[in-house]
Amino acid sequence: MELKEFLRTNEMKITKARVEILNILKTYEFSLSAEKIYQILKKNNININLSTIYRTLELFEEKKIVDKIVLEDGVFSYRLKKKTHMHLLQCDICHKKVEIPCPMTQIEEMVQSKTGFTLMEHNIDIVLKGVCKECKNNKKK
């Protein structure tokens, strides 16, 4: 889908900044910080303020176009949303089940930013077990 049409479909005004930032996010397979996007734009002689980049990334997050990832140094990194598999949390007491997105996304990004290593796959049990909030609260009583 063409970038301008993609913005229209997501009910966003089409601006040069949005198109350029979306194009950069589409080009890179790994996540990028706002500062890194700013550097890429500067390198390509595209003049967009850093504050505009931050606002655009926040809008993209609100519209669920990007994932916002917190790296270990507290810096936010962004990448286009991908279809991700889910993991199942199961309470050991009441057996309630809750689906969550794969937690490996942040780990993959931390590995990439720290080492430059790109993970191609991971192997984690499908079901993660623990105790849900309600059962924990009932135990305290």
C-alpha atoms as a PDB file:
ATOM      1  CA  MET A   1       0.000   0.000   0.000  1.00  0.00           C
ATOM      2  CA  GLU A   2       1.286   3.452  -0.870  1.00  0.00           C
ATOM      3  CA  LEU A   3       2.309   5.532   2.165  1.00  0.00           C
ATOM      4  CA  LYS A   4      -0.117   8.401   1.555  1.00  0.00           C
ATOM      5  CA  GLU A   5      -2.987   5.948   1.161  1.00  0.00           C
ATOM      6  CA  PHE A   6      -1.865   4.177   4.327  1.00  0.00           C
ATOM      7  CA  LEU A   7      -2.075   7.478   6.248  1.00  0.00           C
ATOM      8  CA  ARG A   8      -5.507   8.207   4.759  1.00  0.00           C
ATOM      9  CA  THR A   9      -6.735   4.745   5.706  1.00  0.00           C
ATOM     10  CA  ASN A  10      -5.606   5.373   9.285  1.00  0.00           C
ATOM     11  CA  GLU A  11      -7.450   8.726   9.302  1.00  0.00           C
ATOM     12  CA  MET A  12      -4.351  10.908   9.499  1.00  0.00           C
ATOM     13  CA  LYS A  13      -3.571  14.096   7.701  1.00  0.00           C
ATOM     14  CA  ILE A  14      -0.893  13.582   5.058  1.00  0.00           C
ATOM     15  CA  THR A  15       2.211  15.637   5.816  1.00  0.00           C
ATOM     16  CA  LYS A  16       5.754  15.500   4.494  1.00  0.00           C
ATOM     17  CA  ALA A  17       7.031  14.540   7.962  1.00  0.00           C
ATOM     18  CA  ARG A  18       4.589  11.658   8.383  1.00  0.00           C
ATOM     19  CA  VAL A  19       5.331  10.256   4.944  1.00  0.00           C
ATOM     20  CA  GLU A  20       9.118  10.527   5.445  1.00  0.00           C
ATOM     21  CA  ILE A  21       9.067   8.986   8.936  1.00  0.00           C
ATOM     22  CA  LEU A  22       6.789   6.184   7.790  1.00  0.00           C
ATOM     23  CA  ASN A  23       9.112   5.526   4.851  1.00  0.00           C
ATOM     24  CA  ILE A  24      12.122   5.246   7.175  1.00  0.00           C
ATOM     25  CA  LEU A  25      10.277   2.899   9.549  1.00  0.00           C
ATOM     26  CA  LYS A  26       9.222   0.792   6.566  1.00  0.00           C
ATOM     27  CA  THR A  27      12.816   0.616   5.299  1.00  0.00           C
ATOM     28  CA  TYR A  28      14.429  -0.613   8.517  1.00  0.00           C
ATOM     29  CA  GLU A  29      13.676  -4.045   9.964  1.00  0.00           C
ATOM     30  CA  PHE A  30      14.744  -3.080  13.476  1.00  0.00           C
ATOM     31  CA  SER A  31      13.446  -0.334  15.717  1.00  0.00           C
ATOM     32  CA  LEU A  32      14.751   3.214  15.627  1.00  0.00           C
ATOM     33  CA  SER A  33      14.847   6.004  18.186  1.00  0.00           C
ATOM     34  CA  ALA A  34      13.529   9.445  17.303  1.00  0.00           C
ATOM     35  CA  GLU A  35      17.131  10.683  17.340  1.00  0.00           C
ATOM     36  CA  LYS A  36      18.199   7.987  14.868  1.00  0.00           C
ATOM     37  CA  ILE A  37      15.298   8.886  12.551  1.00  0.00           C
ATOM     38  CA  TYR A  38      16.384  12.537  12.827  1.00  0.00           C
ATOM     39  CA  GLN A  39      19.962  11.567  11.827  1.00  0.00           C
ATOM     40  CA  ILE A  40      18.716   9.558   8.839  1.00  0.00           C
ATOM     41  CA  LEU A  41      16.563  12.471   7.660  1.00  0.00           C
ATOM     42  CA  LYS A  42      19.484  14.913   8.040  1.00  0.00           C
ATOM     43  CA  LYS A  43      21.774  12.543   6.121  1.00  0.00           C
ATOM     44  CA  ASN A  44      19.197  12.530   3.303  1.00  0.00           C
ATOM     45  CA  ASN A  45      18.942  16.362   3.408  1.00  0.00           C
ATOM     46  CA  ILE A  46      15.360  16.269   4.687  1.00  0.00           C
ATOM     47  CA  ASN A  47      14.708  18.989   7.231  1.00  0.00           C
ATOM     48  CA  ILE A  48      12.220  17.881   9.901  1.00  0.00           C
ATOM     49  CA  ASN A  49      12.416  19.084  13.502  1.00  0.00           C
ATOM     50  CA  LEU A  50      13.144  16.536  16.202  1.00  0.00           C
ATOM     51  CA  SER A  51      10.003  17.666  18.067  1.00  0.00           C
ATOM     52  CA  THR A  52       7.929  16.888  14.952  1.00  0.00           C
ATOM     53  CA  ILE A  53       9.465  13.429  14.830  1.00  0.00           C
ATOM     54  CA  TYR A  54       8.520  12.797  18.474  1.00  0.00           C
ATOM     55  CA  ARG A  55       4.943  14.029  17.919  1.00  0.00           C
ATOM     56  CA  THR A  56       4.597  11.914  14.777  1.00  0.00           C
ATOM     57  CA  LEU A  57       5.871   8.790  16.520  1.00  0.00           C
ATOM     58  CA  GLU A  58       3.448   9.352  19.414  1.00  0.00           C
ATOM     59  CA  LEU A  59       0.587   9.735  16.920  1.00  0.00           C
ATOM     60  CA  PHE A  60       1.664   6.551  15.138  1.00  0.00           C
ATOM     61  CA  GLU A  61       1.655   4.767  18.504  1.00  0.00           C
ATOM     62  CA  GLU A  62      -1.844   6.083  19.325  1.00  0.00           C
ATOM     63  CA  LYS A  63      -3.053   4.845  15.940  1.00  0.00           C
ATOM     64  CA  LYS A  64      -1.415   1.471  16.652  1.00  0.00           C
ATOM     65  CA  ILE A  65       0.869   1.743  13.631  1.00  0.00           C
ATOM     66  CA  VAL A  66       4.108   1.380  15.590  1.00  0.00           C
ATOM     67  CA  ASP A  67       5.318  -0.485  18.627  1.00  0.00           C
ATOM     68  CA  LYS A  68       7.039   1.704  21.217  1.00  0.00           C
ATOM     69  CA  ILE A  69       9.823  -0.247  22.858  1.00  0.00           C
ATOM     70  CA  VAL A  70      11.678   0.808  25.989  1.00  0.00           C
ATOM     71  CA  LEU A  71      15.316  -0.155  25.741  1.00  0.00           C
ATOM     72  CA  GLU A  72      17.391  -0.811  28.845  1.00  0.00           C
ATOM     73  CA  ASP A  73      18.890   2.688  28.823  1.00  0.00           C
ATOM     74  CA  GLY A  74      15.379   4.207  29.024  1.00  0.00           C
ATOM     75  CA  VAL A  75      15.401   5.362  25.399  1.00  0.00           C
ATOM     76  CA  PHE A  76      12.245   4.713  23.390  1.00  0.00           C
ATOM     77  CA  SER A  77      12.594   2.934  20.104  1.00  0.00           C
ATOM     78  CA  TYR A  78       9.898   2.545  17.444  1.00  0.00           C
ATOM     79  CA  ARG A  79       9.151   0.066  14.704  1.00  0.00           C
ATOM     80  CA  LEU A  80       6.198  -0.686  12.489  1.00  0.00           C
ATOM     81  CA  LYS A  81       3.797  -3.147  14.067  1.00  0.00           C
ATOM     82  CA  LYS A  82       4.220  -6.678  12.902  1.00  0.00           C
ATOM     83  CA  LYS A  83       1.927  -9.608  13.296  1.00  0.00           C
ATOM     84  CA  THR A  84       3.207 -11.252  16.459  1.00  0.00           C
ATOM     85  CA  HIS A  85       2.307 -14.506  18.048  1.00  0.00           C
ATOM     86  CA  MET A  86       0.771 -14.673  21.479  1.00  0.00           C
ATOM     87  CA  HIS A  87       1.708 -16.424  24.690  1.00  0.00           C
ATOM     88  CA  LEU A  88      -0.671 -17.791  27.268  1.00  0.00           C
ATOM     89  CA  LEU A  89      -0.505 -16.915  30.961  1.00  0.00           C
ATOM     90  CA  GLN A  90      -2.209 -19.436  33.223  1.00  0.00           C
ATOM     91  CA  CYS A  91      -2.955 -19.074  36.937  1.00  0.00           C
ATOM     92  CA  ASP A  92      -1.802 -22.078  38.962  1.00  0.00           C
ATOM     93  CA  ILE A  93      -4.679 -21.607  41.417  1.00  0.00           C
ATOM     94  CA  CYS A  94      -7.860 -20.731  39.484  1.00  0.00           C
ATOM     95  CA  HIS A  95      -6.522 -21.783  36.050  1.00  0.00           C
ATOM     96  CA  LYS A  96      -7.646 -18.491  34.467  1.00  0.00           C
ATOM     97  CA  LYS A  97      -5.923 -17.977  31.104  1.00  0.00           C
ATOM     98  CA  VAL A  98      -4.858 -14.654  29.593  1.00  0.00           C
ATOM     99  CA  GLU A  99      -3.228 -14.106  26.210  1.00  0.00           C
ATOM    100  CA  ILE A 100      -0.362 -11.612  25.920  1.00  0.00           C
ATOM    101  CA  PRO A 101       1.806 -10.543  22.986  1.00  0.00           C
ATOM    102  CA  CYS A 102       5.165 -12.273  22.863  1.00  0.00           C
ATOM    103  CA  PRO A 103       7.490 -10.606  25.382  1.00  0.00           C
ATOM    104  CA  MET A 104      10.504 -11.405  23.185  1.00  0.00           C
ATOM    105  CA  THR A 105       9.949  -8.255  21.094  1.00  0.00           C
ATOM    106  CA  GLN A 106      11.663  -6.047  23.661  1.00  0.00           C
ATOM    107  CA  ILE A 107      14.411  -8.585  24.253  1.00  0.00           C
ATOM    108  CA  GLU A 108      15.079  -8.800  20.494  1.00  0.00           C
ATOM    109  CA  GLU A 109      15.338  -5.006  20.328  1.00  0.00           C
ATOM    110  CA  MET A 110      17.703  -4.849  23.326  1.00  0.00           C
ATOM    111  CA  VAL A 111      19.908  -7.543  21.785  1.00  0.00           C
ATOM    112  CA  GLN A 112      19.923  -5.677  18.450  1.00  0.00           C
ATOM    113  CA  SER A 113      20.763  -2.270  19.972  1.00  0.00           C
ATOM    114  CA  LYS A 114      23.400  -3.599  22.363  1.00  0.00           C
ATOM    115  CA  THR A 115      25.154  -6.175  20.195  1.00  0.00           C
ATOM    116  CA  GLY A 116      24.005  -5.609  16.622  1.00  0.00           C
ATOM    117  CA  PHE A 117      22.897  -9.242  16.642  1.00  0.00           C
ATOM    118  CA  THR A 118      19.588  -9.974  14.891  1.00  0.00           C
ATOM    119  CA  LEU A 119      17.607 -12.834  16.403  1.00  0.00           C
ATOM    120  CA  MET A 120      15.974 -14.993  13.759  1.00  0.00           C
ATOM    121  CA  GLU A 121      13.884 -17.142  16.087  1.00  0.00           C
ATOM    122  CA  HIS A 122      13.289 -17.899  19.728  1.00  0.00           C
ATOM    123  CA  ASN A 123      11.975 -20.857  21.639  1.00  0.00           C
ATOM    124  CA  ILE A 124       9.894 -20.143  24.755  1.00  0.00           C
ATOM    125  CA  ASP A 125       7.185 -22.330  26.249  1.00  0.00           C
ATOM    126  CA  ILE A 126       3.763 -21.383  24.928  1.00  0.00           C
ATOM    127  CA  VAL A 127       2.182 -21.380  28.410  1.00  0.00           C
ATOM    128  CA  LEU A 128       3.659 -19.226  31.168  1.00  0.00           C
ATOM    129  CA  LYS A 129       2.424 -20.142  34.636  1.00  0.00           C
ATOM    130  CA  GLY A 130       2.016 -18.025  37.740  1.00  0.00           C
ATOM    131  CA  VAL A 131      -0.623 -16.674  40.092  1.00  0.00           C
ATOM    132  CA  CYS A 132      -3.190 -14.091  38.950  1.00  0.00           C
ATOM    133  CA  LYS A 133      -3.844 -10.877  40.861  1.00  0.00           C
ATOM    134  CA  GLU A 134      -7.203 -12.057  42.251  1.00  0.00           C
ATOM    135  CA  CYS A 135      -5.770 -15.301  43.633  1.00  0.00           C
ATOM    136  CA  LYS A 136      -2.797 -13.435  45.109  1.00  0.00           C
ATOM    137  CA  ASN A 137      -5.179 -11.005  46.841  1.00  0.00           C
ATOM    138  CA  ASN A 138      -7.345 -13.892  48.128  1.00  0.00           C
ATOM    139  CA  LYS A 139      -4.266 -15.576  49.594  1.00  0.00           C
ATOM    140  CA  LYS A 140      -3.441 -12.440  51.617  1.00  0.00           C
ATOM    141  CA  LYS A 141      -6.849 -12.450  53.351  1.00  0.00           C
END
